[in-house]
Protein backbone atom coordinates (compact mmCIF):
# COMPACT_ATOMS: atom_id res chain seq x y z
CA MET A 1 226.96 80.56 -22.92
CA MET A 2 227.70 83.94 -24.35
CA PRO A 3 225.78 85.28 -27.39
CA ASN A 4 228.89 85.32 -29.63
CA GLU A 5 230.28 82.00 -28.44
CA SER A 6 230.52 79.07 -30.82
CA TYR A 7 228.74 75.90 -29.75
CA HIS A 8 226.61 73.02 -31.01
CA VAL A 9 223.00 72.52 -29.90
CA LEU A 10 220.89 69.41 -30.43
CA THR A 11 217.26 70.30 -29.86
CA THR A 12 213.83 68.89 -30.47
CA SER A 13 212.21 72.27 -29.73
CA ILE A 14 211.00 74.55 -32.50
CA ALA A 15 211.02 77.53 -30.07
CA ILE A 16 214.69 76.94 -29.24
CA LEU A 17 215.52 76.60 -32.94
CA GLN A 18 213.81 79.94 -33.62
CA GLY A 19 215.76 81.56 -30.80
CA LEU A 20 219.09 80.32 -32.19
CA ILE A 21 218.56 81.12 -35.87
CA ALA A 22 220.01 84.63 -35.49
CA ARG A 23 223.24 83.32 -33.90
CA PRO A 24 225.57 82.44 -36.79
CA LYS A 25 228.19 80.77 -34.55
CA VAL A 26 225.69 78.30 -33.14
CA ARG A 27 225.39 75.02 -34.98
CA VAL A 28 221.93 73.49 -34.55
CA THR A 29 220.99 69.87 -35.14
CA LEU A 30 217.37 68.74 -35.28
CA PRO A 31 216.56 65.06 -35.04
CA GLY A 32 214.31 63.70 -37.72
CA GLY A 33 210.89 62.52 -36.76
CA GLU A 34 207.35 63.67 -36.31
CA PHE A 35 206.31 67.23 -35.44
CA PHE A 36 204.11 67.33 -32.34
CA ARG A 37 202.09 70.55 -32.50
CA GLU A 38 200.92 70.61 -28.89
CA GLN A 39 204.50 70.64 -27.54
CA SER A 40 206.03 72.29 -30.64
CA ILE A 41 208.75 69.65 -30.77
CA ILE A 42 210.13 67.06 -33.17
CA LEU A 43 210.41 63.52 -31.84
CA ASN A 44 211.43 60.28 -33.46
CA PRO A 45 209.21 57.44 -32.25
CA TYR A 46 211.76 54.88 -33.49
CA GLU A 47 214.91 53.67 -31.76
CA ASP A 48 217.10 54.22 -34.83
CA GLY A 49 217.17 58.03 -34.63
CA ILE A 50 220.29 60.20 -34.55
CA LEU A 51 220.18 60.69 -30.78
CA GLN A 52 222.27 57.56 -30.26
CA ASN A 53 225.16 59.30 -32.04
CA PHE A 54 225.38 62.28 -29.69
CA THR A 55 226.88 63.00 -26.30
CA ALA A 56 226.57 66.28 -24.43
CA ALA A 57 228.33 68.15 -21.67
CA ARG A 58 224.96 69.55 -20.55
CA MET A 59 221.35 68.71 -21.16
CA PHE A 60 218.71 71.33 -20.42
CA ILE A 61 215.28 69.86 -19.84
CA GLY A 62 211.86 71.09 -18.79
CA ALA A 63 209.30 69.25 -16.70
CA GLN A 64 205.58 68.85 -16.29
CA ALA A 65 206.24 68.30 -12.59
CA ILE A 66 209.01 67.76 -10.07
CA THR A 67 208.08 65.81 -6.97
CA ARG A 68 209.87 63.69 -4.38
CA ASN A 69 209.40 60.87 -6.92
CA GLY A 70 211.45 62.68 -9.56
CA LEU A 71 210.96 64.50 -12.84
CA LEU A 72 207.57 63.82 -14.44
CA GLN A 73 206.04 64.37 -17.87
CA ASN A 74 202.65 63.44 -19.35
CA ASP A 75 203.69 62.18 -22.79
CA GLY A 76 205.18 58.70 -23.19
CA LEU A 77 207.08 59.50 -26.39
CA LEU A 78 208.62 62.57 -24.76
CA VAL A 79 209.67 60.48 -21.75
CA GLN A 80 211.40 57.93 -23.99
CA SER A 81 213.25 60.64 -25.92
CA GLU A 82 214.33 62.47 -22.76
CA ARG A 83 215.59 59.28 -21.15
CA ARG A 84 217.71 58.48 -24.21
CA LEU A 85 219.19 61.98 -24.17
CA MET A 86 219.85 61.90 -20.42
CA GLU A 87 221.92 58.74 -20.83
CA ARG A 88 224.28 60.70 -23.09
CA ALA A 89 224.63 63.86 -20.99
CA GLU A 90 227.33 64.50 -18.42
CA GLU A 91 225.15 67.00 -16.56
CA VAL A 92 221.34 67.27 -16.44
CA ILE A 93 219.95 70.73 -15.77
CA VAL A 94 216.21 71.12 -15.23
CA LEU A 95 214.60 74.46 -16.06
CA ALA A 96 211.25 74.67 -14.27
CA ASP A 97 209.37 77.49 -12.66
CA SER A 98 208.13 76.99 -9.10
CA SER A 99 204.61 76.07 -10.25
CA LYS A 100 206.06 72.72 -11.42
CA ILE A 101 207.11 71.75 -7.89
CA ASN A 102 204.68 69.17 -6.53
CA ALA A 103 202.49 69.57 -9.63
CA SER A 104 200.87 66.52 -11.13
CA GLY A 105 202.45 64.41 -13.83
CA SER A 106 201.75 60.85 -14.82
CA LEU A 107 205.01 59.45 -16.21
CA ALA A 108 208.39 59.36 -14.48
CA VAL A 109 211.36 60.46 -16.58
CA CYS A 110 213.92 59.95 -13.82
CA PRO A 111 214.42 59.97 -10.05
CA LEU A 112 215.78 63.11 -8.40
CA ASN A 113 219.28 61.66 -8.05
CA LYS A 114 219.66 61.80 -11.87
CA ILE A 115 219.20 65.60 -11.82
CA ASP A 116 222.32 67.67 -11.24
CA VAL A 117 220.84 71.18 -11.16
CA LEU A 118 217.37 72.72 -10.92
CA ILE A 119 217.01 76.33 -12.05
CA THR A 120 213.75 77.82 -10.83
CA ASP A 121 212.25 81.03 -9.48
CA GLU A 122 211.82 82.58 -6.03
CA GLY A 123 208.42 80.95 -5.52
CA ILE A 124 209.86 77.51 -4.76
CA PRO A 125 208.72 76.31 -1.31
CA ALA A 126 211.49 76.09 1.31
CA ASP A 127 210.66 72.46 2.09
CA ALA A 128 211.06 71.57 -1.62
CA VAL A 129 214.53 73.13 -1.61
CA GLN A 130 215.36 70.88 1.34
CA TRP A 131 214.19 67.61 -0.21
CA LEU A 132 215.80 68.48 -3.54
CA LYS A 133 219.14 69.20 -1.87
CA ALA A 134 218.83 66.03 0.22
CA ALA A 135 218.51 64.12 -3.08
CA GLY A 136 221.73 65.73 -4.36
CA VAL A 137 220.13 68.35 -6.60
CA GLU A 138 221.79 71.76 -6.69
CA VAL A 139 218.99 74.36 -6.56
CA ARG A 140 219.62 77.70 -8.26
CA ILE A 141 217.14 80.54 -7.94
CA ALA A 142 216.90 82.81 -10.98
CA GLU A 143 216.18 86.32 -9.82
CA LEU A 144 214.03 88.60 -11.94
CA THR A 145 215.35 92.06 -12.68
CA ALA A 146 213.12 95.12 -13.08
CA ASP A 147 213.49 94.72 -16.86
CA ASP A 148 212.36 91.08 -16.63
CA ARG A 149 209.29 92.02 -14.60
CA ASN A 150 208.22 94.59 -17.22
CA ALA A 151 209.03 92.51 -20.30
CA PRO A 152 206.23 90.70 -22.12
CA LEU A 153 206.25 86.94 -21.70
CA ALA A 154 208.05 85.44 -24.70
CA ILE A 155 207.97 81.78 -23.76
CA PRO A 156 205.11 79.76 -25.29
CA ARG A 157 202.88 78.14 -22.69
């Protein structure tokens, strides 16, 4: 997506909302619900939310962990919301740095075969690339530029 391109984003993330505010051609929809401070997201704990009215060409999702068992999170409400969104997306793209590979997580969001693409960094173990590809996941390595290496970290942890 180019900075001046027009598109529609449905997000539960306050950080993503803040990043898109300055882009006048981007239409942003936030689902109603409860604000969860720890994750800085808005989730609706009820089935009757607006998510059922949306479909998406692509869904970008983070992860607490990615293992041979699939994509894992630690929050049950987040798992439910992500599963509902995944059902409505044509393509699921996971954004996770290499520290998430084989990390611990307690709740399964989905098996690996439901993930289309994983975008990660150069630190991903070679054997993980193999088992991800064997499960049908396209693995893309994001390379850091010199500017990236010197830039302050802007993503909340």
